[in-house]
Protein backbone atom coordinates (compact mmCIF):
# COMPACT_ATOMS: atom_id res chain seq x y z
CA UNK A 1 0.00 0.00 0.00
CA UNK A 2 1.04 3.57 -0.72
CA UNK A 3 1.51 5.71 2.43
CA UNK A 4 -1.51 7.76 1.37
CA UNK A 5 -3.56 4.56 1.44
CA UNK A 6 -2.54 4.03 5.07
CA UNK A 7 -3.48 7.60 6.01
CA UNK A 8 -6.78 7.28 4.16
CA UNK A 9 -7.61 3.95 5.83
CA UNK A 10 -6.85 5.37 9.29
CA UNK A 11 -9.06 8.43 8.68
CA UNK A 12 -11.95 6.31 7.37
CA UNK A 13 -11.64 4.03 10.39
CA UNK A 14 -11.82 7.05 12.71
CA UNK A 15 -14.88 8.46 10.91
CA UNK A 16 -16.64 5.12 11.26
CA UNK A 17 -15.68 4.97 14.95
CA UNK A 18 -17.36 8.35 15.40
CA UNK A 19 -20.51 7.07 13.70
CA UNK A 20 -20.47 3.98 15.91
CA UNK A 21 -19.67 5.59 19.27
CA UNK A 22 -21.65 8.83 19.26
CA UNK A 23 -25.34 9.64 18.99
CA UNK A 24 -25.19 13.12 17.45
CA UNK A 25 -21.90 13.84 15.70
CA UNK A 26 -21.22 16.71 13.28
CA UNK A 27 -18.48 17.54 10.79
CA UNK A 28 -17.09 21.07 11.15
CA UNK A 29 -16.69 22.53 7.67
CA UNK A 30 -14.70 25.71 7.04
CA UNK A 31 -14.37 25.57 3.26
CA UNK A 32 -10.63 25.00 3.63
CA UNK A 33 -8.66 22.18 2.03
CA UNK A 34 -8.54 20.07 5.21
CA UNK A 35 -12.29 20.07 5.81
CA UNK A 36 -12.85 19.49 2.09
CA UNK A 37 -10.56 16.45 2.38
CA UNK A 38 -12.65 15.26 5.35
CA UNK A 39 -15.82 15.47 3.27
CA UNK A 40 -14.14 13.41 0.55
CA UNK A 41 -13.07 10.82 3.14
CA UNK A 42 -16.60 10.73 4.57
CA UNK A 43 -17.92 9.93 1.11
CA UNK A 44 -15.54 6.98 0.95
CA UNK A 45 -16.51 5.91 4.48
CA UNK A 46 -20.30 6.02 4.11
CA UNK A 47 -21.38 6.01 0.47
CA UNK A 48 -23.71 4.94 -1.04
CA UNK A 49 -25.54 5.87 2.17
CA UNK A 50 -25.98 9.37 3.58
CA UNK A 51 -23.52 10.83 6.07
CA UNK A 52 -24.44 9.96 9.68
CA UNK A 53 -23.83 13.60 10.57
CA UNK A 54 -24.53 17.09 9.17
CA UNK A 55 -21.88 19.57 8.05
CA UNK A 56 -21.57 22.60 10.36
CA UNK A 57 -20.09 25.90 9.19
CA UNK A 58 -19.48 28.77 11.60
CA UNK A 59 -19.84 31.83 9.37
CA UNK A 60 -18.06 34.98 10.56
CA UNK A 61 -19.68 37.07 7.85
CA UNK A 62 -16.15 38.03 6.77
CA UNK A 63 -15.38 34.97 4.68
CA UNK A 64 -13.78 34.86 1.27
CA UNK A 65 -16.63 34.88 -1.28
CA UNK A 66 -14.88 32.08 -3.19
CA UNK A 67 -15.12 29.89 -0.08
CA UNK A 68 -18.84 30.47 0.40
CA UNK A 69 -19.53 29.80 -3.29
CA UNK A 70 -17.55 26.56 -3.07
CA UNK A 71 -19.41 25.51 0.09
CA UNK A 72 -22.84 26.03 -1.43
CA UNK A 73 -21.91 24.27 -4.68
CA UNK A 74 -20.39 21.33 -2.82
CA UNK A 75 -23.37 20.85 -0.49
CA UNK A 76 -25.71 20.81 -3.48
CA UNK A 77 -23.45 18.38 -5.34
CA UNK A 78 -23.11 15.83 -2.51
CA UNK A 79 -26.68 16.37 -1.26
CA UNK A 80 -25.86 16.50 2.45
CA UNK A 81 -27.27 18.62 5.26
CA UNK A 82 -25.54 21.91 6.12
CA UNK A 83 -26.06 23.82 9.37
CA UNK A 84 -24.70 27.38 9.47
CA UNK A 85 -24.05 29.27 12.69
CA UNK A 86 -23.66 33.01 12.21
CA UNK A 87 -21.27 35.10 14.31
CA UNK A 88 -23.44 38.11 13.49
CA UNK A 89 -26.27 36.46 15.46
CA UNK A 90 -23.98 36.17 18.49
CA UNK A 91 -23.12 39.87 18.12
CA UNK A 92 -26.78 40.86 17.78
CA UNK A 93 -27.66 38.83 20.89
CA UNK A 94 -24.97 40.61 22.90
CA UNK A 95 -23.08 37.39 23.59
CA UNK A 96 -19.87 38.72 22.01
CA UNK A 97 -18.54 42.19 21.33
CA UNK A 98 -17.03 42.98 17.97
CA UNK A 99 -13.40 44.01 18.14
CA UNK A 100 -12.35 47.54 17.23
CA UNK A 101 -9.14 48.97 15.88
CA UNK A 102 -7.01 48.42 12.83
CA UNK A 103 -6.42 44.70 13.41
CA UNK A 104 -9.98 43.88 14.47
CA UNK A 105 -11.17 40.40 13.51
CA UNK A 106 -14.22 38.22 14.12
CA UNK A 107 -12.18 35.03 14.12
CA UNK A 108 -12.00 34.65 17.91
CA UNK A 109 -15.75 35.30 18.17
CA UNK A 110 -16.46 32.02 16.39
CA UNK A 111 -15.98 30.08 19.63
CA UNK A 112 -19.16 31.41 21.23
CA UNK A 113 -21.18 30.74 18.08
CA UNK A 114 -19.79 27.21 17.82
CA UNK A 115 -20.59 26.38 21.45
CA UNK A 116 -24.11 27.72 20.96
CA UNK A 117 -24.60 25.52 17.88
CA UNK A 118 -23.28 22.48 19.77
CA UNK A 119 -25.72 23.17 22.62
CA UNK A 120 -28.68 23.86 20.32
CA UNK A 121 -28.30 20.62 18.37
CA UNK A 122 -26.89 18.59 21.28
CA UNK A 123 -23.86 17.43 19.30
CA UNK A 124 -21.71 15.03 21.32
CA UNK A 125 -18.82 14.88 18.83
CA UNK A 126 -17.49 17.42 16.34
CA UNK A 127 -15.16 16.22 13.60
CA UNK A 128 -12.50 18.74 12.58
CA UNK A 129 -9.70 18.97 10.05
CA UNK A 130 -6.91 20.01 12.42
CA UNK A 131 -3.49 18.42 11.96
CA UNK A 132 -0.63 18.10 14.45
CA UNK A 133 1.90 19.75 12.14
CA UNK A 134 -0.12 22.99 11.89
CA UNK A 135 0.76 24.52 15.23
CA UNK A 136 2.34 23.41 18.51
CA UNK A 137 -0.95 23.51 20.47
CA UNK A 138 -2.48 21.22 17.85
CA UNK A 139 0.30 18.71 18.58
CA UNK A 140 -1.01 18.33 22.15
CA UNK A 141 -4.38 17.04 20.97
CA UNK A 142 -5.40 13.42 20.88
CA UNK A 143 -7.49 12.20 17.95
CA UNK A 144 -10.46 11.96 20.35
CA UNK A 145 -10.10 15.17 22.37
CA UNK A 146 -12.60 15.64 25.21
CA UNK A 147 -14.14 19.03 26.03
CA UNK A 148 -15.93 19.61 29.33
CA UNK A 149 -19.54 20.74 29.78
CA UNK A 150 -18.42 24.34 29.17
CA UNK A 151 -16.68 23.42 25.90
CA UNK A 152 -13.25 23.91 27.43
CA UNK A 153 -10.14 21.86 26.70
CA UNK A 154 -7.53 20.88 29.27
CA UNK A 155 -4.27 19.75 27.63
CA UNK A 156 -3.29 17.96 30.86
CA UNK A 157 -6.35 15.72 30.75
CA UNK A 158 -5.74 13.81 27.53
CA UNK A 159 -6.68 10.15 27.19
CA UNK A 160 -4.15 7.58 26.00
CA UNK A 161 -4.78 6.21 22.51
CA UNK A 162 -2.88 2.95 22.31
CA UNK A 163 -3.19 0.53 19.40
CA UNK A 164 -5.67 2.83 17.62
CA UNK A 165 -8.25 2.38 20.36
CA UNK A 166 -10.36 5.51 20.77
CA UNK A 167 -12.39 6.12 23.91
CA UNK A 168 -15.54 8.09 23.17
CA UNK A 169 -17.17 7.67 26.58
CA UNK A 170 -18.22 11.04 27.97
CA UNK A 171 -20.48 12.45 30.68
CA UNK A 172 -23.68 14.26 29.82
CA UNK A 173 -22.90 17.75 28.50
CA UNK A 174 -19.34 16.90 27.48
CA UNK A 175 -18.22 16.96 23.89
CA UNK A 176 -15.46 15.27 21.91
CA UNK A 177 -13.53 16.94 19.10
CA UNK A 178 -12.30 14.33 16.65
CA UNK A 179 -9.40 14.85 14.24
CA UNK A 180 -9.23 12.05 11.64
CA UNK A 181 -6.34 13.61 9.69
CA UNK A 182 -4.33 14.52 12.78
CA UNK A 183 -1.40 12.38 11.56
CA UNK A 184 -1.32 14.00 8.11
CA UNK A 185 0.99 16.84 7.10
CA UNK A 186 0.19 19.75 4.81
CA UNK A 187 2.15 17.98 2.08
CA UNK A 188 0.19 14.76 2.65
CA UNK A 189 -3.07 16.64 2.18
CA UNK A 190 -1.90 18.18 -1.09
CA UNK A 191 -0.59 14.87 -2.42
CA UNK A 192 -3.92 13.27 -1.52
CA UNK A 193 -5.87 16.07 -3.18
CA UNK A 194 -3.77 15.56 -6.29
CA UNK A 195 -4.26 11.79 -6.30
CA UNK A 196 -8.00 11.97 -5.66
CA UNK A 197 -8.52 14.97 -7.97
CA UNK A 198 -10.47 16.84 -5.29
CA UNK A 199 -11.68 20.28 -6.46
CA UNK A 200 -10.75 23.26 -4.27
CA UNK A 201 -11.70 26.93 -4.02
CA UNK A 202 -9.75 29.02 -6.52
CA UNK A 203 -7.97 31.04 -3.80
CA UNK A 204 -5.65 28.11 -3.12
CA UNK A 205 -4.06 28.67 -6.52
CA UNK A 206 -2.07 31.68 -7.68
CA UNK A 207 -4.21 34.56 -8.91
CA UNK A 208 -4.04 38.32 -9.22
CA UNK A 209 -5.53 40.12 -6.23
CA UNK A 210 -5.55 43.55 -4.62
CA UNK A 211 -3.62 43.33 -1.37
CA UNK A 212 -2.16 45.54 1.31
CA UNK A 213 0.89 44.87 3.47
CA UNK A 214 0.03 44.80 7.16
CA UNK A 215 2.29 43.58 9.97
CA UNK A 216 4.62 42.19 7.30
CA UNK A 217 1.84 40.08 5.73
CA UNK A 218 -0.09 40.38 2.47
CA UNK A 219 -3.77 40.83 3.33
CA UNK A 220 -6.56 40.75 0.77
CA UNK A 221 -7.95 44.26 0.40
CA UNK A 222 -11.61 44.11 1.40
CA UNK A 223 -14.37 46.08 3.07
CA UNK A 224 -13.86 43.89 6.15
CA UNK A 225 -10.42 45.35 6.87
CA UNK A 226 -10.23 48.60 8.80
CA UNK A 227 -8.07 50.35 6.22
CA UNK A 228 -6.67 53.87 6.39
CA UNK A 229 -4.46 56.13 4.29
CA UNK A 230 -1.34 54.19 5.36
CA UNK A 231 -2.64 51.06 3.63
CA UNK A 232 -1.38 51.09 0.05
CA UNK A 233 -3.23 48.75 -2.30
CA UNK A 234 -1.20 46.84 -4.90
CA UNK A 235 -2.14 44.09 -7.32
CA UNK A 236 -0.03 40.97 -6.75
CA UNK A 237 0.11 37.32 -7.77
CA UNK A 238 -0.81 35.51 -4.56
CA UNK A 239 -2.46 32.41 -3.19
CA UNK A 240 -3.65 31.29 0.25
CA UNK A 241 -2.19 28.30 2.09
CA UNK A 242 -4.88 28.33 4.76
CA UNK A 243 -8.38 29.76 4.66
CA UNK A 244 -10.13 31.55 7.51
CA UNK A 245 -11.66 34.94 8.17
CA UNK A 246 -10.49 37.54 5.61
CA UNK A 247 -9.40 39.79 8.47
CA UNK A 248 -6.86 37.30 9.85
CA UNK A 249 -5.77 35.21 6.84
CA UNK A 250 -2.75 36.42 4.90
CA UNK A 251 -1.76 35.48 1.38
CA UNK A 252 1.67 34.42 0.14
CA UNK A 253 3.30 35.74 -2.99
CA UNK A 254 3.18 32.85 -5.42
CA UNK A 255 3.23 31.82 -9.07
CA UNK A 256 1.93 28.32 -8.27
CA UNK A 257 -1.01 27.84 -10.63
CA UNK A 258 -1.01 24.03 -10.61
CA UNK A 259 -1.05 21.44 -7.82
CA UNK A 260 2.42 20.19 -8.76
CA UNK A 261 3.71 23.76 -8.44
CA UNK A 262 2.07 24.08 -5.00
CA UNK A 263 3.59 20.79 -3.82
CA UNK A 264 7.04 21.98 -4.94
CA UNK A 265 6.48 25.32 -3.21
CA UNK A 266 5.44 23.70 0.09
CA UNK A 267 8.33 21.22 -0.05
CA UNK A 268 10.84 24.08 -0.11
CA UNK A 269 9.03 26.39 2.32
CA UNK A 270 10.51 26.97 5.79
CA UNK A 271 7.35 28.64 7.10
CA UNK A 272 4.31 26.67 8.27
CA UNK A 273 0.92 27.38 6.72
CA UNK A 274 -0.27 28.87 10.04
CA UNK A 275 2.49 31.44 9.61
CA UNK A 276 -0.04 33.25 7.42
CA UNK A 277 -2.65 33.46 10.20
CA UNK A 278 -2.61 36.77 12.03
CA UNK A 279 -4.71 35.37 14.90
CA UNK A 280 -1.87 33.02 15.84
CA UNK A 281 0.50 35.95 16.33
CA UNK A 282 -1.44 37.62 19.15
CA UNK A 283 0.72 35.80 21.70
CA UNK A 284 3.03 32.80 21.97
CA UNK A 285 0.14 30.71 23.30
CA UNK A 286 -2.65 32.26 21.21
CA UNK A 287 -3.93 29.00 19.71
CA UNK A 288 -3.77 27.10 23.01
CA UNK A 289 -5.66 29.85 24.81
CA UNK A 290 -8.40 29.81 22.17
CA UNK A 291 -8.64 26.01 22.30
CA UNK A 292 -8.99 26.07 26.09
CA UNK A 293 -11.97 28.34 25.59
CA UNK A 294 -13.68 26.03 23.10
CA UNK A 295 -12.11 26.91 19.74
CA UNK A 296 -11.85 24.33 16.94
């Protein structure tokens, strides 16, 4: 077997374990390459039947339009249920306060919306596309990662996972985050996408776009950024290695128009894909702090 076959088989096994162990699971879908890969794996795991879980997207309202278009087209194509939680609703209800200032972002506000969606639909497991190579806090996660009744994560209370045995037993109100591609790398995902010919949003490939330089990063010029006269717009050839809120996701200068070009680019890169996420640069422990509070 090719190494991608082993990774695929492990991920499918984990997805089926979720279906077998939990009553109300959900698959968290961001429109990024990792969650798109999860949807593809779920098709392999459960077709010709329907998914035993809905897709859940937490919409900040500041998403890339290409991502939303892809999401809607994909859901129609695979004919699966999509639940959307809107950060704007959390703002309107007074549960979160929108950030102000030049670097304001709604990305951190997603946590409250996600926890509300989990409570509303009584989800006991949420499948996510996180990988251990993304960021050091991600590396502390188990594949079955338990959250308490408040949605919080304690990195010191992780269950052992020996011999691919996953313990999904939880108390009422608790929730498990499940990461089927935790053992994959960014390069593995791209090689799998190439092999399986999985379509992706166009922003993953090099294209011309108006950008500004902020905090040393190329940010897509948009109405969601609090721009001022110091922000000079230029038109550059860029692509995005990771996809999140437009206010916190930076582009990279690139001429990689094809998957083979992207694979070559990643192979020679010395910067992780999360290096283009402004929300990870708030502090040394930014991701871990968000995860403790209930983040993806």
